[in-house]
Amino acid sequence: MEVLRIILTQSSANYKKEETVLNKMTYPLPPFSTIIGALHSACGYKEYHPMDISIQGKYEAMHKEPYTDYCFLNSIMDDRGILVKMRNEVMLSTAFDKVAKAKKPQGNSFRKGITIDVLNGTLLEEYRGLKDLTEKIAEFKINRIDKVLELTKKRKKTLMDKKKKYKEDLQECQLISKREKEIKELEKTVKERFKDYKKKEYEIPYSRFASLTTSLKYYEVLNNIKLILHIKSDRNTLDEIKDNIYNLKSIGRSEDFVDVREACFIDVVDSIEEGIYSDYSAYINYDLIKNKKVFLRLGDNISANGTKYYLNKNYIIEDNKRIFKKKKVVYTSEYSAEEGCDTLYFDISKEKSYIVNFN
């Protein structure tokens, strides 16, 4: 069976585990979904092209790399963090302007200018003006709007009592109903105008401000990585991957650049004269190990040798959510195989032979 073999290297990479937050831990090899996504991006695919992949490789070392994490708070805090103005209020992103920064954990005030570093005086004055405006709006509501609405409420009650009194007088009831309608329209107009004014003059401008905090977090970063990928798909897809392989710029983070060393078609076989022991770590299908198609080398006093993972492969969209198909695999660095099956093959060449497990 003819498949595409890709050999590439990376000086560093983080293949982030989805569930990690404070310390962005890495998988020892890129998951299937990461490789599939990178190949689809290199080829410019907009829809999924079915493919099975074998991933193996090795790295020399791992270190932790610090970075500054920005976390937006759920509400604007006047006394802590960093006050910023968003360039697009409907998106939380790095597109913002810093306004002022609190110097202490507590006791600061952006509005009053207490223990803060002013980073943009114009925007700080805009923020303070909005805080002043909200107090004026609240005062206006209490002293004007609420009093008008209270009068309309009393007037509606009076008219209701009057309607009961003159319920036998059709002409008078019609006049009362007309007056009730006028008062309700007035009440509605007052509420809507106040709501529109508050939204336009205060709520929309104020929504552009936000509070964020920073913290020091870490990436786990692998160093000096070598990856051997075997891709099985239809011939047209394999041809397009090979033709576009040098569009593959990174795997992992955007800064985790790749150097493609080889991309060629090779034949894999499912039977060999003698077993092969792998020099590389790999993701091996759990069932192959369970059914003794792949053998793990066990050391002294060691009952197992590998780490079990449920790795994402491809996904479908259900209710606007990605539902991933997962593969149950064992990451192991010491394994061998003697005969193939429908997902287990061998890449035999003069320079190097590989155990190929398609997932």
Protein backbone atom coordinates (compact mmCIF):
# COMPACT_ATOMS: atom_id res chain seq x y z
CA MET A 1 0.00 0.00 0.00
CA GLU A 2 1.39 3.38 -1.00
CA VAL A 3 1.30 6.15 1.62
CA LEU A 4 2.97 9.53 2.14
CA ARG A 5 5.85 9.74 4.60
CA ILE A 6 6.79 13.14 6.01
CA ILE A 7 9.86 13.73 8.18
CA LEU A 8 10.23 17.11 9.85
CA THR A 9 12.04 18.76 12.74
CA GLN A 10 11.23 21.56 15.19
CA SER A 11 13.63 23.41 17.44
CA SER A 12 10.84 23.80 20.02
CA ALA A 13 7.11 23.23 20.37
CA ASN A 14 4.17 23.04 22.78
CA TYR A 15 1.38 20.64 21.85
CA LYS A 16 -1.02 21.97 24.45
CA LYS A 17 -3.21 19.69 26.53
CA GLU A 18 -6.70 21.22 26.45
CA GLU A 19 -7.44 20.81 30.17
CA THR A 20 -4.32 22.61 31.46
CA VAL A 21 -4.56 26.25 32.54
CA LEU A 22 -1.92 27.55 34.97
CA ASN A 23 0.82 25.44 33.44
CA LYS A 24 0.16 24.79 29.76
CA MET A 25 1.38 21.20 29.67
CA THR A 26 2.31 19.56 26.40
CA TYR A 27 1.70 16.19 24.84
CA PRO A 28 4.96 14.38 24.03
CA LEU A 29 3.91 14.23 20.36
CA PRO A 30 1.33 16.33 18.50
CA PRO A 31 -2.22 14.86 18.67
CA PHE A 32 -3.89 13.59 15.50
CA SER A 33 -6.18 16.64 15.29
CA THR A 34 -3.17 18.98 15.43
CA ILE A 35 -1.46 17.27 12.50
CA ILE A 36 -4.69 16.96 10.50
CA GLY A 37 -5.48 20.64 11.10
CA ALA A 38 -1.97 21.72 10.06
CA LEU A 39 -2.13 19.69 6.83
CA HIS A 40 -5.59 21.01 5.99
CA SER A 41 -4.36 24.56 6.54
CA ALA A 42 -1.29 23.98 4.34
CA CYS A 43 -3.51 22.70 1.53
CA GLY A 44 -6.13 25.42 2.00
CA TYR A 45 -8.89 22.88 2.63
CA LYS A 46 -12.20 24.25 3.88
CA GLU A 47 -13.81 20.82 4.39
CA TYR A 48 -12.50 17.70 6.06
CA HIS A 49 -10.56 15.27 3.88
CA PRO A 50 -10.62 11.82 5.50
CA MET A 51 -7.17 10.50 6.38
CA ASP A 52 -5.49 8.14 8.83
CA ILE A 53 -2.20 9.09 10.41
CA SER A 54 0.72 7.42 12.13
CA ILE A 55 2.68 9.74 14.44
CA GLN A 56 6.08 8.89 15.92
CA GLY A 57 9.16 10.82 16.87
CA LYS A 58 11.36 11.97 19.73
CA TYR A 59 12.62 15.07 21.52
CA GLU A 60 15.82 15.79 23.43
CA ALA A 61 14.61 17.78 26.45
CA MET A 62 11.77 19.82 27.93
CA HIS A 63 11.79 23.15 29.78
CA LYS A 64 9.27 25.64 31.14
CA GLU A 65 8.85 28.97 29.39
CA PRO A 66 7.19 31.89 31.25
CA TYR A 67 4.60 34.17 29.67
CA THR A 68 2.23 36.91 30.84
CA ASP A 69 -1.40 35.86 30.89
CA TYR A 70 -4.14 38.51 30.54
CA CYS A 71 -7.45 37.75 32.27
CA PHE A 72 -10.49 40.02 31.82
CA LEU A 73 -12.69 40.41 34.90
CA ASN A 74 -16.47 39.98 34.66
CA SER A 75 -17.07 43.59 35.74
CA ILE A 76 -15.14 46.86 35.81
CA MET A 77 -13.31 47.29 39.11
CA ASP A 78 -12.36 50.82 40.11
CA ASP A 79 -9.72 49.76 42.62
CA ARG A 80 -7.64 46.94 41.10
CA GLY A 81 -5.94 45.51 38.06
CA ILE A 82 -5.47 47.47 34.83
CA LEU A 83 -8.18 49.71 33.40
CA VAL A 84 -8.32 49.39 29.61
CA LYS A 85 -10.51 50.60 26.77
CA MET A 86 -11.45 47.97 24.18
CA ARG A 87 -11.15 48.91 20.53
CA ASN A 88 -14.09 46.57 19.86
CA GLU A 89 -16.37 46.21 22.87
CA VAL A 90 -17.95 42.96 21.67
CA MET A 91 -14.60 41.12 21.60
CA LEU A 92 -12.18 40.34 24.42
CA SER A 93 -8.79 40.36 22.72
CA THR A 94 -5.39 42.03 22.76
CA ALA A 95 -6.88 44.97 20.84
CA PHE A 96 -7.13 47.44 23.72
CA ASP A 97 -5.54 50.62 25.05
CA LYS A 98 -4.25 50.71 28.61
CA VAL A 99 -5.76 53.59 30.60
CA ALA A 100 -4.34 53.26 34.12
CA LYS A 101 -2.80 50.66 36.40
CA ALA A 102 -3.40 50.12 40.12
CA LYS A 103 -0.23 50.19 42.23
CA LYS A 104 -1.49 48.16 45.20
CA PRO A 105 -3.74 45.10 45.67
CA GLN A 106 -6.37 47.25 47.46
CA GLY A 107 -7.21 50.84 48.31
CA ASN A 108 -6.72 52.26 44.80
CA SER A 109 -9.20 54.28 42.77
CA PHE A 110 -9.05 55.10 39.08
CA ARG A 111 -11.86 57.60 39.47
CA LYS A 112 -10.28 59.49 42.37
CA GLY A 113 -6.68 59.04 41.20
CA ILE A 114 -5.53 57.19 44.32
CA THR A 115 -2.29 55.14 43.98
CA ILE A 116 -2.51 54.56 40.24
CA ASP A 117 -0.18 54.95 37.28
CA VAL A 118 -1.91 56.99 34.56
CA LEU A 119 -1.12 55.53 31.15
CA ASN A 120 -3.58 57.52 29.02
CA GLY A 121 -4.89 60.75 30.57
CA THR A 122 -7.50 61.42 27.87
CA LEU A 123 -9.12 58.00 28.23
CA LEU A 124 -8.98 58.24 32.03
CA GLU A 125 -10.93 61.50 31.89
CA GLU A 126 -13.48 59.83 29.61
CA TYR A 127 -13.86 57.02 32.15
CA ARG A 128 -14.29 59.49 35.03
CA GLY A 129 -16.82 61.49 33.02
CA LEU A 130 -18.91 58.35 32.50
CA LYS A 131 -18.76 57.52 36.21
CA ASP A 132 -19.98 61.07 36.97
CA LEU A 133 -22.70 60.73 34.35
CA THR A 134 -24.10 57.53 35.82
CA GLU A 135 -24.61 59.30 39.15
CA LYS A 136 -26.39 62.16 37.41
CA ILE A 137 -28.59 59.69 35.52
CA ALA A 138 -29.44 57.89 38.76
CA GLU A 139 -30.28 61.20 40.43
CA PHE A 140 -32.41 62.32 37.48
CA LYS A 141 -34.31 59.04 37.58
CA ILE A 142 -35.12 59.43 41.25
CA ASN A 143 -36.03 63.14 41.14
CA ARG A 144 -37.77 63.31 37.77
CA ILE A 145 -38.58 60.03 36.03
CA ASP A 146 -39.78 58.13 39.09
CA LYS A 147 -41.98 61.06 40.17
CA VAL A 148 -43.58 61.31 36.72
CA LEU A 149 -44.22 57.56 36.67
CA GLU A 150 -45.67 57.71 40.17
CA LEU A 151 -48.10 60.43 39.04
CA THR A 152 -49.14 58.39 35.99
CA LYS A 153 -49.69 55.38 38.25
CA LYS A 154 -51.95 57.40 40.56
CA ARG A 155 -53.78 58.90 37.62
CA LYS A 156 -54.44 55.44 36.10
CA LYS A 157 -55.85 54.26 39.42
CA THR A 158 -58.11 57.30 39.63
CA LEU A 159 -59.39 56.69 36.11
CA MET A 160 -59.99 53.03 36.88
CA ASP A 161 -62.09 53.93 39.91
CA LYS A 162 -63.91 56.52 37.85
CA LYS A 163 -64.67 53.98 35.12
CA LYS A 164 -66.27 51.69 37.70
CA LYS A 165 -68.36 54.57 38.96
CA TYR A 166 -69.64 55.51 35.47
CA LYS A 167 -69.81 52.02 34.02
CA GLU A 168 -73.46 52.58 33.01
CA ASP A 169 -72.57 55.78 31.16
CA LEU A 170 -71.15 54.65 27.79
CA GLN A 171 -70.09 58.11 26.64
CA GLU A 172 -68.24 58.86 29.88
CA CYS A 173 -66.53 55.45 29.84
CA GLN A 174 -65.27 56.12 26.34
CA LEU A 175 -63.75 59.42 27.44
CA ILE A 176 -62.11 57.74 30.42
CA SER A 177 -60.69 54.95 28.23
CA LYS A 178 -59.29 57.53 25.83
CA ARG A 179 -57.59 59.33 28.70
CA GLU A 180 -56.21 56.01 30.02
CA LYS A 181 -54.69 55.29 26.65
CA GLU A 182 -53.06 58.74 26.51
CA ILE A 183 -51.52 58.26 29.95
CA LYS A 184 -50.20 54.79 29.05
CA GLU A 185 -48.65 56.22 25.88
CA LEU A 186 -47.04 58.99 27.93
CA GLU A 187 -45.72 56.44 30.42
CA LYS A 188 -44.30 54.30 27.61
CA THR A 189 -42.68 57.31 25.91
CA VAL A 190 -41.02 58.48 29.13
CA LYS A 191 -39.57 55.01 29.83
CA GLU A 192 -38.31 54.48 26.28
CA ARG A 193 -36.70 57.93 25.98
CA PHE A 194 -34.94 57.49 29.32
CA LYS A 195 -33.79 53.99 28.36
CA ASP A 196 -32.49 55.17 24.96
CA TYR A 197 -30.66 58.12 26.50
CA LYS A 198 -29.03 55.94 29.17
CA LYS A 199 -27.96 53.36 26.60
CA LYS A 200 -26.56 55.85 24.11
CA GLU A 201 -24.86 58.26 26.50
CA TYR A 202 -23.64 55.84 29.18
CA GLU A 203 -24.06 52.08 28.67
CA ILE A 204 -22.50 51.82 25.18
CA PRO A 205 -19.48 54.10 25.93
CA TYR A 206 -18.94 52.46 29.33
CA SER A 207 -19.05 48.94 27.82
CA ARG A 208 -15.86 49.79 25.95
CA PHE A 209 -13.95 49.87 29.23
CA ALA A 210 -12.81 46.71 31.02
CA SER A 211 -10.64 45.53 33.88
CA LEU A 212 -7.93 42.97 33.40
CA THR A 213 -5.36 41.32 35.61
CA THR A 214 -2.04 39.80 34.66
CA SER A 215 -0.33 36.73 36.04
CA LEU A 216 2.83 34.79 35.33
CA LYS A 217 2.15 31.39 33.77
CA TYR A 218 4.23 28.79 32.01
CA TYR A 219 4.41 26.73 28.85
CA GLU A 220 6.01 23.30 28.83
CA VAL A 221 8.24 23.41 25.76
CA LEU A 222 9.84 20.43 24.02
CA ASN A 223 13.27 20.93 22.43
CA ASN A 224 14.92 19.52 19.30
CA ILE A 225 11.99 17.48 18.02
CA LYS A 226 11.95 15.00 15.17
CA LEU A 227 8.61 13.77 13.80
CA ILE A 228 7.91 10.94 11.36
CA LEU A 229 4.39 11.07 9.91
CA HIS A 230 2.77 8.48 7.68
CA ILE A 231 -0.41 9.65 5.94
CA LYS A 232 -3.01 7.30 4.41
CA SER A 233 -5.76 8.82 2.27
CA ASP A 234 -7.04 8.89 -1.32
CA ARG A 235 -4.40 9.54 -3.97
CA ASN A 236 -5.61 13.03 -4.87
CA THR A 237 -5.43 14.18 -1.23
CA LEU A 238 -1.96 12.69 -0.79
CA ASP A 239 -0.74 14.43 -3.98
CA GLU A 240 -2.09 17.77 -2.75
CA ILE A 241 -0.46 17.34 0.67
CA LYS A 242 2.90 16.57 -0.96
CA ASP A 243 2.59 19.52 -3.37
CA ASN A 244 1.72 21.92 -0.52
CA ILE A 245 3.90 20.50 2.25
CA TYR A 246 6.19 23.55 2.28
CA ASN A 247 3.17 25.70 3.15
CA LEU A 248 3.29 23.92 6.51
CA LYS A 249 4.87 26.62 8.69
CA SER A 250 4.25 25.47 12.26
CA ILE A 251 2.80 22.70 14.44
CA GLY A 252 1.62 23.57 17.94
CA ARG A 253 1.88 27.30 18.60
CA SER A 254 2.21 29.76 15.72
CA GLU A 255 5.86 30.30 16.68
CA ASP A 256 6.64 26.56 16.67
CA PHE A 257 8.12 26.51 13.17
CA VAL A 258 8.82 23.31 11.25
CA ASP A 259 11.62 22.30 8.92
CA VAL A 260 10.39 19.72 6.41
CA ARG A 261 13.22 17.26 5.75
CA GLU A 262 11.37 14.78 3.55
CA ALA A 263 8.02 14.22 1.86
CA CYS A 264 7.84 11.16 -0.36
CA PHE A 265 5.63 8.25 -1.33
CA ILE A 266 6.62 4.88 0.08
CA ASP A 267 5.13 1.39 0.21
CA VAL A 268 4.13 -0.14 3.53
CA VAL A 269 3.65 -3.87 4.01
CA ASP A 270 1.71 -5.95 6.51
CA SER A 271 4.11 -8.89 6.76
CA ILE A 272 7.84 -9.12 7.45
CA GLU A 273 10.39 -11.88 7.87
CA GLU A 274 11.42 -10.85 11.40
CA GLY A 275 10.14 -8.44 14.02
CA ILE A 276 11.04 -4.75 14.22
CA TYR A 277 11.94 -2.85 17.37
CA SER A 278 11.21 0.88 17.13
CA ASP A 279 13.76 3.57 17.96
CA TYR A 280 11.06 6.23 18.25
CA SER A 281 8.21 7.03 20.62
CA ALA A 282 4.73 6.77 19.13
CA TYR A 283 0.99 6.78 19.72
CA ILE A 284 -0.03 3.11 19.45
CA ASN A 285 -3.66 2.05 19.33
CA TYR A 286 -4.61 0.58 22.69
CA ASP A 287 -6.30 -2.47 21.16
CA LEU A 288 -3.10 -3.45 19.33
CA ILE A 289 -1.29 -3.68 22.66
CA LYS A 290 -4.21 -5.37 24.38
CA ASN A 291 -4.47 -7.98 21.61
CA LYS A 292 -0.67 -8.47 21.58
CA LYS A 293 -0.11 -7.17 18.07
CA VAL A 294 2.37 -4.67 19.47
CA PHE A 295 4.65 -5.64 22.36
CA LEU A 296 5.98 -3.25 25.00
CA ARG A 297 9.41 -3.86 26.44
CA LEU A 298 9.15 -4.13 30.21
CA GLY A 299 12.01 -3.19 32.50
CA ASP A 300 12.89 -4.72 35.84
CA ASN A 301 10.01 -4.48 38.33
CA ILE A 302 7.90 -2.61 35.75
CA SER A 303 4.48 -4.04 34.92
CA ALA A 304 3.68 -1.62 32.09
CA ASN A 305 5.48 0.86 29.93
CA GLY A 306 3.39 3.65 28.42
CA THR A 307 0.86 6.43 29.03
CA LYS A 308 -2.75 6.10 27.94
CA TYR A 309 -4.36 9.05 26.12
CA TYR A 310 -7.71 9.77 24.50
CA LEU A 311 -6.66 11.98 21.59
CA ASN A 312 -8.85 14.07 19.30
CA LYS A 313 -8.83 13.19 15.62
CA ASN A 314 -11.56 14.75 13.45
CA TYR A 315 -14.87 16.33 14.45
CA ILE A 316 -18.45 16.92 13.38
CA ILE A 317 -20.64 19.93 14.13
CA GLU A 318 -23.71 19.34 16.32
CA ASP A 319 -25.74 22.26 17.71
CA ASN A 320 -22.94 24.64 16.64
CA LYS A 321 -20.43 22.68 18.74
CA ARG A 322 -17.45 20.59 17.70
CA ILE A 323 -17.86 16.93 18.66
CA PHE A 324 -14.47 15.22 18.33
CA LYS A 325 -13.89 11.60 17.45
CA LYS A 326 -11.33 10.34 19.94
CA LYS A 327 -8.69 7.64 19.66
CA LYS A 328 -7.62 5.52 22.62
CA VAL A 329 -3.85 5.20 22.35
CA VAL A 330 -0.77 4.44 24.43
CA TYR A 331 2.25 6.68 24.17
CA THR A 332 5.28 4.45 24.45
CA SER A 333 8.93 4.58 23.53
CA GLU A 334 9.85 0.89 23.71
CA TYR A 335 7.80 -1.39 21.52
CA SER A 336 8.08 -3.98 18.77
CA ALA A 337 5.88 -5.84 16.29
CA GLU A 338 6.21 -9.01 14.25
CA GLU A 339 3.15 -9.08 12.01
CA GLY A 340 0.72 -6.51 10.66
CA CYS A 341 -3.07 -6.16 10.50
CA ASP A 342 -5.60 -3.72 9.02
CA THR A 343 -4.13 -0.74 10.94
CA LEU A 344 -0.57 -1.97 11.54
CA TYR A 345 2.04 -1.87 8.77
CA PHE A 346 5.79 -1.72 8.28
CA ASP A 347 7.86 0.83 6.38
CA ILE A 348 10.98 -1.11 5.34
CA SER A 349 13.89 0.77 3.79
CA LYS A 350 17.68 0.48 3.64
CA GLU A 351 18.27 3.49 5.91
CA LYS A 352 15.55 2.94 8.52
CA SER A 353 12.50 0.77 9.18
CA TYR A 354 9.38 1.98 10.98
CA ILE A 355 6.39 0.40 12.67
CA VAL A 356 3.39 2.27 11.23
CA ASN A 357 0.12 2.34 13.17
CA PHE A 358 -2.64 4.26 11.37
CA ASN A 359 -5.29 5.92 13.56
